[in-house]
Amino acid sequence: MSRAYRIKVKESVKRDVKAEDSIRTEIELIEILPAEQMGELLARELEGRGFRRATTARFTRTEGNGVTIAVEPCTGEVTIRAETEQTVEVEGNPRGLRLRRTSAPTANRSRGRLSKN
């Protein structure tokens, strides 16, 4: 004689999730002055807009939402990077499988599925 069972499971998963993305491009500067002087002009303008000198050849600014902008005035290279980290918790109530009397290999596969879930 076979019996049907209903299995209820409450499951909770908590993970720390990190995400990041970046893009790199170049500013095309019209060569009105020699490259060194154009780089110096760009560096002064970046400082005026809130960028800070990270290295001798790189200026950076970090926005409040995790976005960092880096500019190299001599080459015109711009890199924008976005990063975030968040703890995510998910709860669920998956429904169990109903087992019925079957052949041994099928029953073993069903038990294996239940133990994985």
Foldseek 3Di string as FASTA:
>chain_A
DKDKDKDKDKDKDKDKDKDKDKDKDFDDDDPPDPLVVQLVVVVVVVVVVPWDDPDPQKTWDADPQQWIWIAGSSGRMIMIMHMDIDMDMDMDIDIADIDIDDDPVVVVVSVVVRVVD
